[in-house]
Amino acid sequence: MARNPKKKNRSKAAKNRQNGSSSEATLAPAATRVWQPGVDGIEDGEELQFDPSAYDCLHAFQLGWPCLSFDIVRDALGGLRSSFPHTMLCVAGTQADVAANNAVVVVRLSNITGMKRKQPLGGNDESESDSDSSDEDEDITTEVGAIQPASKNPVLQVWDVGVHIRSLSSGSAETSTGLSSIVRQAPLQIFTGHKEEGFALDWSPLVPGRLVTGDCKSFIYLWEPSEGGRWNVENTPFSGHKSSVEDLQWSPTEASVFASCSIDGTIAIWDVRSRTQAAISVKAHDADVNVISWNRLASCMIASGSDDGIFRIWDLRSFKDDSFIAHFKYHNAPITSIEWSPHEASTVAATSADNQLTIWDLSLERDAEEEAAYQAQLEQKQAEAPEDLPPQLLFVHQGQKNLKELHWHPQIHGLMVATSGDGFNVFRPSNLDNLAAS
């Protein structure tokens, strides 16, 4: 973001110039520079301005109440697509003022438009970069179906939202843009085995219907699908952590293996055939480990984020205490979400309580000669990045308060969705064009 004086101050300066009370030196524009959140302050009379060209698209929407967790639903619109406008489906859970107002929300977003771009250097000047884009982002269309939970007790419930997804996809249902039309629907199954609330859950990418759930009592339960749309849940949980289980991730290549992280500072690797002890458990952080992500393109890699703002990269081929292969201390508040790109093995994104979403490319290294050559080709010189800024930092997204969770769209290259206390953002950074889609 560039720092610029507010309009009222510029107007005053212009008036002084007309009166002859201001010199050319006083009116000379300040050099544009990179503003670093948590490092640089904002002086009186200054405001932050974001550069729209940093995004291929940027949209916002709300669902009445904050949704602190959500997931993107795969669709039948194409395996990997990039041309605007886009359509997508997601499911979210609300955080209402009282439990009785909560709902499981199924959302269909359409008309996700992009912005026209000038061709990059060396491109064809006679054509636009995306013929389906508009000069400015238009409002997206939000269609909503919502289910009211049948129970207000702290239990785990599994829902079938298939009928809502099919109705939204076909356009046959009466939909709204808010939560006014909430239906009551019985869950497929209710599990009361967790004795305390929990925040960890993951569906297996290899065995349809299999999932693991974790709670604040340090226990993990395995759900095995059975006939009739039900699950068998063993009474004996996986035990080994000394405190709350914060996140769970299935292996992308081994159907019986999953990972967990905990407030006790450890990451554990489990085999479903052994419940009493983890196959591997390592001391990963000096603070609570809030989130983990298992790389689906490079299955030996796991990313973890902790309460002290640090996130680390681990190679499971040499997995032991403090054996991380990369360590980043950029954020100054807890990491609240982390996820590898589904399209590029070296790219990972994280959200933090410092209200920043950052994207990192671990394959990047600083090359001063290449940077100088690129600046020389530009019509307008860009602000130089601070020397202490990590060269792997690819993008910083701001503007949302109390960021909680992010997801990459698995079928739309580079498209991201982030949820926060003040709603959702759907966006695609413009500098992801050079990332190869696997």
Protein backbone atom coordinates (compact mmCIF):
# COMPACT_ATOMS: atom_id res chain seq x y z
CA MET A 1 0.00 0.00 0.00
CA ALA A 2 1.17 3.49 -0.75
CA ARG A 3 1.00 6.29 1.77
CA ASN A 4 -0.47 9.55 0.51
CA PRO A 5 -1.74 12.72 2.22
CA LYS A 6 -5.48 12.97 2.57
CA LYS A 7 -7.42 14.94 -0.03
CA LYS A 8 -8.26 17.78 2.32
CA ASN A 9 -4.58 18.47 2.91
CA ARG A 10 -3.81 18.36 -0.82
CA SER A 11 -6.61 20.85 -1.45
CA LYS A 12 -5.18 23.21 1.16
CA ALA A 13 -1.75 23.00 -0.42
CA ALA A 14 -3.20 23.77 -3.84
CA LYS A 15 -4.96 26.82 -2.42
CA ASN A 16 -1.73 28.08 -0.85
CA ARG A 17 0.05 27.70 -4.18
CA GLN A 18 -2.56 29.88 -5.86
CA ASN A 19 -1.94 32.51 -3.20
CA GLY A 20 1.80 32.29 -3.77
CA SER A 21 2.48 31.03 -0.26
CA SER A 22 3.93 27.66 -1.21
CA SER A 23 7.13 26.79 -3.05
CA GLU A 24 7.62 24.10 -5.67
CA ALA A 25 9.85 22.26 -3.23
CA THR A 26 7.03 22.10 -0.69
CA LEU A 27 4.61 20.71 -3.27
CA ALA A 28 6.96 18.07 -4.67
CA PRO A 29 5.27 14.67 -4.25
CA ALA A 30 6.85 12.35 -1.75
CA ALA A 31 8.46 9.21 -3.12
CA THR A 32 6.16 6.21 -3.02
CA ARG A 33 7.37 3.57 -0.62
CA VAL A 34 6.20 0.28 0.83
CA TRP A 35 4.24 0.63 4.05
CA GLN A 36 4.82 -2.27 6.46
CA PRO A 37 1.99 -3.17 8.87
CA GLY A 38 3.20 -3.37 12.44
CA VAL A 39 6.41 -1.53 11.53
CA ASP A 40 5.43 1.82 10.02
CA GLY A 41 2.97 4.14 11.68
CA ILE A 42 0.33 6.40 10.15
CA GLU A 43 0.83 10.09 10.83
CA ASP A 44 -1.91 12.67 11.18
CA GLY A 45 -3.20 13.65 7.77
CA GLU A 46 -2.18 10.37 6.12
CA GLU A 47 -4.27 7.48 4.89
CA LEU A 48 -3.55 4.12 3.29
CA GLN A 49 -4.52 3.58 -0.32
CA PHE A 50 -4.45 0.18 -1.96
CA ASP A 51 -3.49 -0.27 -5.59
CA PRO A 52 -6.39 -1.93 -7.49
CA SER A 53 -3.91 -3.30 -10.02
CA ALA A 54 -2.62 -5.62 -7.28
CA TYR A 55 -5.78 -7.72 -7.73
CA ASP A 56 -7.25 -9.55 -10.69
CA CYS A 57 -10.49 -9.49 -8.70
CA LEU A 58 -11.59 -8.36 -5.26
CA HIS A 59 -15.10 -8.79 -3.87
CA ALA A 60 -16.71 -8.75 -0.43
CA PHE A 61 -19.93 -10.22 0.93
CA GLN A 62 -21.60 -10.87 4.29
CA LEU A 63 -24.06 -13.45 5.61
CA GLY A 64 -25.69 -11.54 8.44
CA TRP A 65 -23.48 -12.97 11.18
CA PRO A 66 -19.72 -13.53 11.15
CA CYS A 67 -18.69 -16.97 9.90
CA LEU A 68 -15.42 -17.98 11.54
CA SER A 69 -15.08 -21.24 9.63
CA PHE A 70 -16.07 -22.35 6.13
CA ASP A 71 -15.16 -24.70 3.32
CA ILE A 72 -15.26 -24.52 -0.47
CA VAL A 73 -17.38 -27.14 -2.23
CA ARG A 74 -16.09 -28.76 -5.41
CA ASP A 75 -18.41 -28.35 -8.39
CA ALA A 76 -18.88 -29.77 -11.89
CA LEU A 77 -17.95 -26.57 -13.73
CA GLY A 78 -14.43 -27.66 -14.67
CA GLY A 79 -11.33 -29.19 -13.15
CA LEU A 80 -9.11 -26.11 -13.44
CA ARG A 81 -10.44 -22.82 -14.80
CA SER A 82 -9.18 -19.26 -14.96
CA SER A 83 -11.45 -17.14 -17.20
CA PHE A 84 -13.79 -14.64 -15.55
CA PRO A 85 -16.58 -14.49 -14.49
CA HIS A 86 -16.48 -17.30 -11.96
CA THR A 87 -19.11 -19.19 -9.98
CA MET A 88 -18.42 -21.09 -6.77
CA LEU A 89 -20.08 -22.85 -3.82
CA CYS A 90 -19.14 -22.81 -0.15
CA VAL A 91 -20.55 -23.90 3.21
CA ALA A 92 -20.08 -21.86 6.39
CA GLY A 93 -21.13 -21.88 10.03
CA THR A 94 -22.30 -18.67 11.68
CA GLN A 95 -21.19 -17.15 14.98
CA ALA A 96 -24.42 -15.43 16.02
CA ASP A 97 -25.20 -13.41 19.14
CA VAL A 98 -26.97 -16.40 20.69
CA ALA A 99 -26.80 -20.10 19.80
CA ALA A 100 -30.45 -20.20 18.73
CA ASN A 101 -29.65 -17.85 15.83
CA ASN A 102 -26.82 -19.94 14.40
CA ALA A 103 -27.12 -21.71 11.07
CA VAL A 104 -25.20 -23.87 8.62
CA VAL A 105 -25.15 -21.73 5.48
CA VAL A 106 -24.79 -22.97 1.90
CA VAL A 107 -23.73 -20.17 -0.45
CA ARG A 108 -23.57 -19.92 -4.24
CA LEU A 109 -21.51 -16.98 -5.54
CA SER A 110 -21.83 -16.01 -9.18
CA ASN A 111 -20.70 -13.12 -11.37
CA ILE A 112 -17.26 -13.10 -9.75
CA THR A 113 -15.79 -10.69 -12.27
CA GLY A 114 -12.24 -9.52 -12.79
CA MET A 115 -10.69 -6.26 -13.94
CA LYS A 116 -9.20 -5.59 -17.36
CA ARG A 117 -5.45 -5.30 -17.37
CA LYS A 118 -2.92 -3.84 -19.71
CA GLN A 119 -0.82 -6.49 -21.39
CA PRO A 120 2.41 -7.20 -19.52
CA LEU A 121 5.65 -5.94 -21.00
CA GLY A 122 6.24 -7.59 -24.35
CA GLY A 123 2.56 -8.49 -24.79
CA ASN A 124 0.14 -7.60 -27.57
CA ASP A 125 -1.07 -4.02 -27.01
CA GLU A 126 -4.09 -4.49 -29.26
CA SER A 127 -5.90 -6.91 -26.94
CA GLU A 128 -6.91 -6.89 -23.30
CA SER A 129 -5.56 -9.41 -20.83
CA ASP A 130 -9.01 -10.87 -20.17
CA SER A 131 -11.90 -10.32 -22.53
CA ASP A 132 -14.42 -11.40 -19.90
CA SER A 133 -13.29 -8.80 -17.35
CA SER A 134 -14.65 -5.36 -16.62
CA ASP A 135 -12.84 -2.11 -15.90
CA GLU A 136 -14.00 -2.33 -12.29
CA ASP A 137 -15.17 -5.21 -10.17
CA GLU A 138 -18.95 -5.56 -10.20
CA ASP A 139 -21.04 -6.79 -7.30
CA ILE A 140 -21.15 -10.56 -7.06
CA THR A 141 -24.45 -12.37 -6.76
CA THR A 142 -24.94 -14.19 -3.45
CA GLU A 143 -27.57 -16.93 -3.13
CA VAL A 144 -28.06 -18.55 0.27
CA GLY A 145 -29.68 -21.61 1.74
CA ALA A 146 -29.46 -22.13 5.50
CA ILE A 147 -30.09 -24.96 7.99
CA GLN A 148 -30.87 -24.32 11.63
CA PRO A 149 -29.18 -26.86 13.94
CA ALA A 150 -31.61 -29.16 15.68
CA SER A 151 -29.76 -29.04 18.99
CA LYS A 152 -28.22 -26.24 21.02
CA ASN A 153 -26.11 -28.64 23.08
CA PRO A 154 -22.30 -28.81 22.54
CA VAL A 155 -22.39 -31.91 20.34
CA LEU A 156 -20.93 -32.75 16.94
CA GLN A 157 -23.49 -32.97 14.14
CA VAL A 158 -23.11 -34.12 10.53
CA TRP A 159 -25.39 -32.64 7.89
CA ASP A 160 -26.30 -33.53 4.32
CA VAL A 161 -26.36 -30.27 2.35
CA GLY A 162 -26.57 -31.99 -1.03
CA VAL A 163 -30.16 -30.97 -1.69
CA HIS A 164 -29.32 -27.31 -1.02
CA ILE A 165 -26.28 -27.44 -3.30
CA ARG A 166 -28.29 -29.01 -6.11
CA SER A 167 -31.07 -26.44 -5.71
CA LEU A 168 -28.65 -23.53 -5.74
CA SER A 169 -26.73 -24.93 -8.70
CA SER A 170 -29.85 -25.49 -10.77
CA GLY A 171 -31.51 -22.22 -9.83
CA SER A 172 -34.72 -24.07 -8.97
CA ALA A 173 -34.85 -23.09 -5.32
CA GLU A 174 -36.17 -19.89 -3.86
CA THR A 175 -32.98 -18.29 -2.60
CA SER A 176 -32.12 -15.07 -0.84
CA THR A 177 -29.06 -12.98 -0.13
CA GLY A 178 -29.48 -13.18 3.65
CA LEU A 179 -30.46 -15.65 6.36
CA SER A 180 -34.20 -14.95 6.22
CA SER A 181 -35.11 -18.35 4.76
CA ILE A 182 -33.77 -20.89 7.25
CA VAL A 183 -35.08 -24.45 7.15
CA ARG A 184 -35.11 -27.01 9.93
CA GLN A 185 -33.38 -30.22 8.95
CA ALA A 186 -32.40 -33.21 11.04
CA PRO A 187 -28.67 -34.06 11.01
CA LEU A 188 -27.50 -37.39 9.64
CA GLN A 189 -25.77 -38.17 12.91
CA ILE A 190 -25.17 -36.64 16.32
CA PHE A 191 -22.06 -37.57 18.31
CA THR A 192 -21.87 -36.89 22.04
CA GLY A 193 -18.52 -38.55 22.71
CA HIS A 194 -16.60 -35.27 22.91
CA LYS A 195 -16.86 -34.08 26.51
CA GLU A 196 -15.82 -30.54 25.65
CA GLU A 197 -16.03 -28.30 22.60
CA GLY A 198 -13.51 -28.73 19.81
CA PHE A 199 -12.27 -26.89 16.75
CA ALA A 200 -10.40 -29.60 14.84
CA LEU A 201 -11.98 -31.62 12.01
CA ASP A 202 -10.77 -32.99 8.69
CA TRP A 203 -12.28 -35.19 5.97
CA SER A 204 -10.07 -37.81 4.35
CA PRO A 205 -9.12 -37.01 0.73
CA LEU A 206 -8.59 -40.72 0.03
CA VAL A 207 -11.46 -42.53 1.81
CA PRO A 208 -14.87 -40.93 1.10
CA GLY A 209 -16.78 -40.18 4.30
CA ARG A 210 -13.91 -40.86 6.71
CA LEU A 211 -13.08 -38.04 9.12
CA VAL A 212 -11.31 -37.26 12.38
CA THR A 213 -12.46 -34.80 15.04
CA GLY A 214 -10.56 -33.33 17.99
CA ASP A 215 -11.53 -31.52 21.17
CA CYS A 216 -10.19 -29.29 23.92
CA LYS A 217 -9.75 -32.32 26.21
CA SER A 218 -6.87 -33.49 23.94
CA PHE A 219 -8.83 -36.42 22.44
CA ILE A 220 -9.24 -37.38 18.77
CA TYR A 221 -12.02 -39.59 17.39
CA LEU A 222 -12.07 -41.48 14.09
CA TRP A 223 -15.32 -41.68 12.12
CA GLU A 224 -15.67 -44.60 9.72
CA PRO A 225 -18.54 -44.45 7.19
CA SER A 226 -21.09 -47.26 7.28
CA GLU A 227 -24.22 -48.17 5.39
CA GLY A 228 -27.27 -45.94 5.42
CA GLY A 229 -25.39 -42.64 5.58
CA ARG A 230 -24.17 -43.28 9.13
CA TRP A 231 -20.78 -43.49 10.82
CA ASN A 232 -19.18 -45.83 13.31
CA VAL A 233 -17.21 -43.91 15.92
CA GLU A 234 -14.97 -45.89 18.26
CA ASN A 235 -15.49 -45.21 21.95
CA THR A 236 -11.73 -45.20 22.53
CA PRO A 237 -10.14 -41.97 21.27
CA PHE A 238 -6.60 -41.35 20.10
CA SER A 239 -4.74 -39.98 23.11
CA GLY A 240 -1.26 -38.57 23.42
CA HIS A 241 -1.50 -34.79 23.44
CA LYS A 242 -1.31 -33.06 26.81
CA SER A 243 -3.69 -30.25 25.90
CA SER A 244 -6.32 -29.13 23.40
CA VAL A 245 -6.14 -30.50 19.86
CA GLU A 246 -6.31 -27.43 17.62
CA ASP A 247 -6.13 -28.81 14.07
CA LEU A 248 -6.13 -32.09 12.11
CA GLN A 249 -4.91 -32.98 8.62
CA TRP A 250 -5.09 -36.27 6.71
CA SER A 251 -2.12 -37.43 4.67
CA PRO A 252 -2.72 -36.82 0.95
CA THR A 253 -1.07 -40.15 0.02
CA GLU A 254 -1.56 -42.62 2.92
CA ALA A 255 -5.17 -43.42 3.80
CA SER A 256 -4.41 -44.53 7.37
CA VAL A 257 -2.20 -41.58 8.40
CA PHE A 258 -3.16 -38.18 9.78
CA ALA A 259 -1.47 -35.31 11.64
CA SER A 260 -2.54 -33.26 14.64
CA CYS A 261 -1.31 -30.17 16.46
CA SER A 262 -1.95 -28.97 19.98
CA ILE A 263 -1.68 -26.20 22.52
CA ASP A 264 1.08 -28.33 24.07
CA GLY A 265 3.36 -27.10 21.26
CA THR A 266 3.64 -30.43 19.43
CA ILE A 267 2.77 -31.87 16.04
CA ALA A 268 1.95 -35.59 16.00
CA ILE A 269 1.67 -38.11 13.17
CA TRP A 270 -0.83 -40.92 13.77
CA ASP A 271 -1.68 -44.28 12.24
CA VAL A 272 -5.35 -45.19 12.62
CA ARG A 273 -4.35 -48.70 13.67
CA SER A 274 -2.76 -47.40 16.89
CA ARG A 275 -4.81 -45.20 19.23
CA THR A 276 -2.70 -45.14 22.38
CA GLN A 277 0.42 -43.49 21.00
CA ALA A 278 1.36 -41.31 18.05
CA ALA A 279 3.77 -42.76 15.52
CA ILE A 280 5.83 -39.54 15.75
CA SER A 281 5.50 -36.55 18.05
CA VAL A 282 7.82 -33.54 17.89
CA LYS A 283 8.18 -30.27 19.75
CA ALA A 284 7.29 -27.87 16.96
CA HIS A 285 6.84 -24.43 18.55
CA ASP A 286 7.46 -22.66 21.85
CA ALA A 287 3.82 -21.49 21.82
CA ASP A 288 0.43 -23.04 21.06
CA VAL A 289 0.35 -24.68 17.63
CA ASN A 290 -2.91 -23.36 16.22
CA VAL A 291 -2.98 -24.70 12.67
CA ILE A 292 -1.30 -27.14 10.28
CA SER A 293 -1.53 -27.87 6.55
CA TRP A 294 -0.31 -30.98 4.72
CA ASN A 295 1.01 -30.23 1.23
CA ARG A 296 -0.99 -32.26 -1.31
CA LEU A 297 1.50 -31.69 -4.12
CA ALA A 298 4.64 -32.37 -2.08
CA SER A 299 3.41 -34.87 0.49
CA CYS A 300 6.59 -34.77 2.59
CA MET A 301 5.88 -31.14 3.58
CA ILE A 302 3.78 -29.81 6.46
CA ALA A 303 3.28 -26.16 7.41
CA SER A 304 2.42 -25.08 10.96
CA GLY A 305 1.41 -21.78 12.56
CA SER A 306 1.60 -20.82 16.21
CA ASP A 307 0.27 -18.35 18.75
CA ASP A 308 3.43 -16.20 18.65
CA GLY A 309 2.95 -15.30 14.96
CA ILE A 310 5.58 -17.74 13.69
CA PHE A 311 4.93 -20.26 10.96
CA ARG A 312 7.29 -23.07 10.01
CA ILE A 313 7.79 -25.61 7.23
CA TRP A 314 8.63 -29.24 8.04
CA ASP A 315 10.05 -32.06 5.94
CA LEU A 316 8.66 -35.37 7.19
CA ARG A 317 11.69 -37.22 5.85
CA SER A 318 13.71 -35.66 8.67
CA PHE A 319 10.99 -34.95 11.23
CA LYS A 320 12.23 -34.38 14.77
CA ASP A 321 12.20 -31.68 17.45
CA ASP A 322 12.95 -28.23 16.01
CA SER A 323 13.99 -29.73 12.65
CA PHE A 324 12.00 -27.20 10.61
CA ILE A 325 13.43 -26.35 7.19
CA ALA A 326 11.95 -22.83 7.06
CA HIS A 327 10.97 -20.37 9.78
CA PHE A 328 9.12 -17.08 9.25
CA LYS A 329 8.57 -14.40 11.90
CA TYR A 330 6.71 -11.80 9.89
CA HIS A 331 3.33 -11.64 11.63
CA ASN A 332 3.09 -10.00 15.05
CA ALA A 333 -0.03 -11.82 16.28
CA PRO A 334 -1.27 -15.45 16.36
CA ILE A 335 -1.47 -17.39 13.10
CA THR A 336 -5.15 -18.29 12.67
CA SER A 337 -5.06 -20.28 9.42
CA ILE A 338 -2.52 -21.75 7.02
CA GLU A 339 -2.96 -23.60 3.73
CA TRP A 340 -0.77 -24.78 0.86
CA SER A 341 -1.79 -23.83 -2.66
CA PRO A 342 -3.53 -26.72 -4.45
CA HIS A 343 -1.84 -25.64 -7.70
CA GLU A 344 1.77 -24.81 -6.78
CA ALA A 345 3.80 -26.97 -4.39
CA SER A 346 6.00 -24.15 -3.06
CA THR A 347 3.23 -21.63 -2.33
CA VAL A 348 1.54 -21.29 1.06
CA ALA A 349 -0.82 -18.69 2.55
CA ALA A 350 -1.48 -17.71 6.15
CA THR A 351 -3.86 -15.46 8.07
CA SER A 352 -3.08 -13.79 11.37
CA ALA A 353 -4.79 -11.90 14.15
CA ASP A 354 -2.77 -8.88 12.99
CA ASN A 355 -5.39 -8.58 10.19
CA GLN A 356 -3.03 -9.65 7.42
CA LEU A 357 -3.29 -12.49 4.92
CA THR A 358 0.10 -13.28 3.44
CA ILE A 359 1.10 -15.45 0.48
CA TRP A 360 4.58 -16.96 0.33
CA ASP A 361 6.54 -18.67 -2.44
CA LEU A 362 9.28 -20.70 -0.79
CA SER A 363 11.14 -21.13 -4.06
CA LEU A 364 11.95 -17.41 -4.35
CA GLU A 365 15.33 -15.87 -3.59
CA ARG A 366 16.38 -12.24 -3.84
CA ASP A 367 18.16 -11.34 -7.11
CA ALA A 368 19.28 -7.69 -7.16
CA GLU A 369 20.26 -7.74 -10.84
CA GLU A 370 16.91 -9.17 -11.92
CA GLU A 371 15.03 -6.62 -9.80
CA ALA A 372 17.02 -3.73 -11.31
CA ALA A 373 16.39 -4.99 -14.84
CA TYR A 374 12.65 -5.24 -14.16
CA GLN A 375 12.48 -1.72 -12.68
CA ALA A 376 14.27 -0.35 -15.76
CA GLN A 377 11.51 -1.68 -18.04
CA LEU A 378 8.67 -0.07 -16.12
CA GLU A 379 7.08 3.19 -17.23
CA GLN A 380 6.81 4.28 -13.59
CA LYS A 381 9.34 3.16 -11.02
CA GLN A 382 7.87 1.00 -8.29
CA ALA A 383 8.57 1.44 -4.63
CA GLU A 384 11.56 -0.56 -3.53
CA ALA A 385 10.88 -3.31 -1.02
CA PRO A 386 12.61 -2.91 2.36
CA GLU A 387 15.81 -4.87 2.66
CA ASP A 388 14.55 -6.81 5.68
CA LEU A 389 11.37 -7.96 3.91
CA PRO A 390 11.58 -11.72 3.22
CA PRO A 391 12.06 -12.36 -0.52
CA GLN A 392 9.59 -15.27 -0.25
CA LEU A 393 6.75 -12.88 0.66
CA LEU A 394 4.64 -12.74 -2.48
CA PHE A 395 1.53 -10.81 -1.45
CA VAL A 396 -0.12 -9.10 1.54
CA HIS A 397 -3.90 -8.77 1.66
CA GLN A 398 -5.46 -6.38 4.20
CA GLY A 399 -8.76 -4.70 4.92
CA GLN A 400 -10.48 -7.43 6.93
CA LYS A 401 -10.72 -7.31 10.71
CA ASN A 402 -10.30 -10.36 12.93
CA LEU A 403 -9.18 -12.69 10.12
CA LYS A 404 -9.97 -16.30 10.96
CA GLU A 405 -9.65 -18.66 8.00
CA LEU A 406 -8.58 -18.82 4.36
CA HIS A 407 -9.02 -21.35 1.58
CA TRP A 408 -7.69 -21.60 -1.96
CA HIS A 409 -10.29 -22.62 -4.51
CA PRO A 410 -9.28 -26.11 -5.67
CA GLN A 411 -10.63 -25.58 -9.21
CA ILE A 412 -10.06 -21.86 -9.90
CA HIS A 413 -6.39 -21.04 -10.23
CA GLY A 414 -5.24 -18.42 -7.72
CA LEU A 415 -8.71 -17.59 -6.36
CA MET A 416 -8.83 -17.25 -2.57
CA VAL A 417 -11.58 -16.77 0.01
CA ALA A 418 -10.99 -15.41 3.51
CA THR A 419 -13.45 -14.98 6.37
CA SER A 420 -13.23 -12.56 9.26
CA GLY A 421 -15.29 -10.83 11.89
CA ASP A 422 -16.63 -8.37 9.31
CA GLY A 423 -17.40 -10.74 6.44
CA PHE A 424 -15.83 -12.54 3.50
CA ASN A 425 -13.39 -11.43 0.81
CA VAL A 426 -13.03 -13.24 -2.53
CA PHE A 427 -9.92 -12.24 -4.44
CA ARG A 428 -7.15 -13.20 -6.79
CA PRO A 429 -3.74 -11.47 -6.52
CA SER A 430 -2.47 -10.32 -9.90
CA ASN A 431 1.09 -11.51 -9.29
CA LEU A 432 0.09 -15.18 -9.19
CA ASP A 433 0.05 -15.32 -12.99
CA ASN A 434 3.58 -16.66 -13.09
CA LEU A 435 2.79 -19.60 -10.79
CA ALA A 436 2.45 -22.72 -12.85
CA ALA A 437 -0.78 -24.66 -12.37
CA SER A 438 0.01 -28.29 -11.60
